[in-house]
Every structure is written in structure tokens, then in C-alpha cells.
């Protein structure tokens, strides 16, 4: 979400670019009217005009892009700070309570469970940041292993049920024909987990998520995660896979995240020769995320 100060900066640079182009056009038109008979000068002038306009347009585009990139970096830092600080503060609070007060066994067990959940959340955030760095830096061949897609999906669903305490039947798995892919087990598992986590988090209190696997054209295996959440505006369907990007609005501020999950999903898909995309009929109509990977020969 762009802050008001940056909105003004973006508007200023766009207005400046339009103003400069208008002045150049006016000067050039006036020069043509006064010197319309000099053909060579007219050609050189037109060439210079095109170069100036292209320079102004490129400068404006780069400035606006840099402002937006800085805004996304700031949002990422704020999100990561919150995601790291909150579980640490929670763990510290429960440890201080256990240290300073006499707590019965049932309450003690509950405190341990909450601290373990917070530790998992903290480790998950750290691992996501580290994985983003590894994926961004990795250029060599993958250490390929044969992976059963159905087993990976079942493992990720079990993890999500435990992590988010999802009610029974709220996350359903409709398994297609058995299929295997060649890939990095940790990366493939991270991609599927991120998609399921997103579907659960954005479903709110009424979790209704369906995970399906299928074989496509005999060459690919697809994992489709469908939710009944708030949906995604069509212009945002491609943007959401960019690093640090989160759909603007109140939902992004209410649901915490780093803006790295979907970037990791698409990066893993590309590294394994597959693809990932999102589908949605618009706000309020749910979303479907698809991860497609080549079947192992």
C-alpha cells in the first residue's frame, strides 16, 4: 500500500514528465512552422525530439518504479519485524510467567504448546527468508529426487491443520492418479505449503479449502488449491507473484505476511520446468492457485 507521501512523489514525477514532453512538443511544432522548408534540419530535429521524449519517459518510469520498490521494501521490513518480534515476545511472556508464578500442570502444558507454536511460526518466517535468498542466488542444476506429489500434498495438509488448528473437513484433498516429479523435496514441499497456508489464512474463520491433484496432457501434474476467501481483483493476479508484493487494502494490513510466499512458489515452479498461476472471478468469489510440474519419466 503506497503511503500518501510517496503517492505525491509519484504524481509529481508523472506530472513533471508530461509537462516536459508538452513543452518539447510545443517548441518543436513552433520550430517546424518557422522552418518547414529545411528538410535536413527537420529530420535531425525530429530525431532529437524522439530521443528527448524517450529519455523523459524512461526517466519518469524508472523514478516511479524506484519509489514503488522502496515502498515494497519498507512494507517487507515492517512485516518481517512484526513476524519476528511477535512470537519472540509471546515466548518471553510465557517463560517469565513460568519462572515467577506457580502454574498447575494443565496450564503448564498449554503454555508449552503455545510456545512451541510460536517457535514454529518464528522458524517458518526465518526459513522463508533464507529460502528466498537461496532461490534467488541458485543458478546451478538442481539435486533432483523422485517425489510423490500426493504424499507431499498430504504432508502439507497435515501440517496446515496442525498449525492453524483447522476444523476437521475444512481442508479436503481430492487425489488424482498417482504421479511423481523430479525435483528438490524441500523446495517442492515449500511451494505446496505456501499455497495451502495462503488459502487457510485468507479464508478467515470459515476455512473451506480444497486441494486437487491431476495429470495434464500426460506431461504435467497439477496441484490446485481452491478457497472461498475474499478473492483477488483481476489486475492483481499477475502482480501477486512478485517479490514483496501484497494486494493493497485492509485485508493486507489485517493478515500478516512477508510478501515472499507466492514469489517462492513461482520461483520453485520455474526452477523445476513448470509454472504457477492464480485464478479468481474477482473480490468475494474465492481464489484458485495452481502449481504445475513436469511428470518424472
Foldseek 3Di string as FASTA:
>chain_A
DADPVLVVVLVVLVVVLVVVLVVLVVVLVVVCVVPVPDVVVNVVSVVVSVVVNVVSVVVSVVVNVVSVVVVLVVLLVVLLCCQQPVLVVLLVVLVVCVVPDDDDPVVNVVNVVSNVLSVVSNVVSVVLVVLVVCLVPDDDAFPWDKAWPVVLLVVLVVVLCVNVVDDPQLEEEDEEPTFIAIGDSVLVSLLSNLVVNVQQLQQPPRRHKYWYWDDDPVWKIKIKIWTQGFWDAPVCFVVLLDASDDDDDPSDVVRGDNSRNSVSNQSRLVSQVHGKTKDTPHTRGIIMIMRMHTTDD
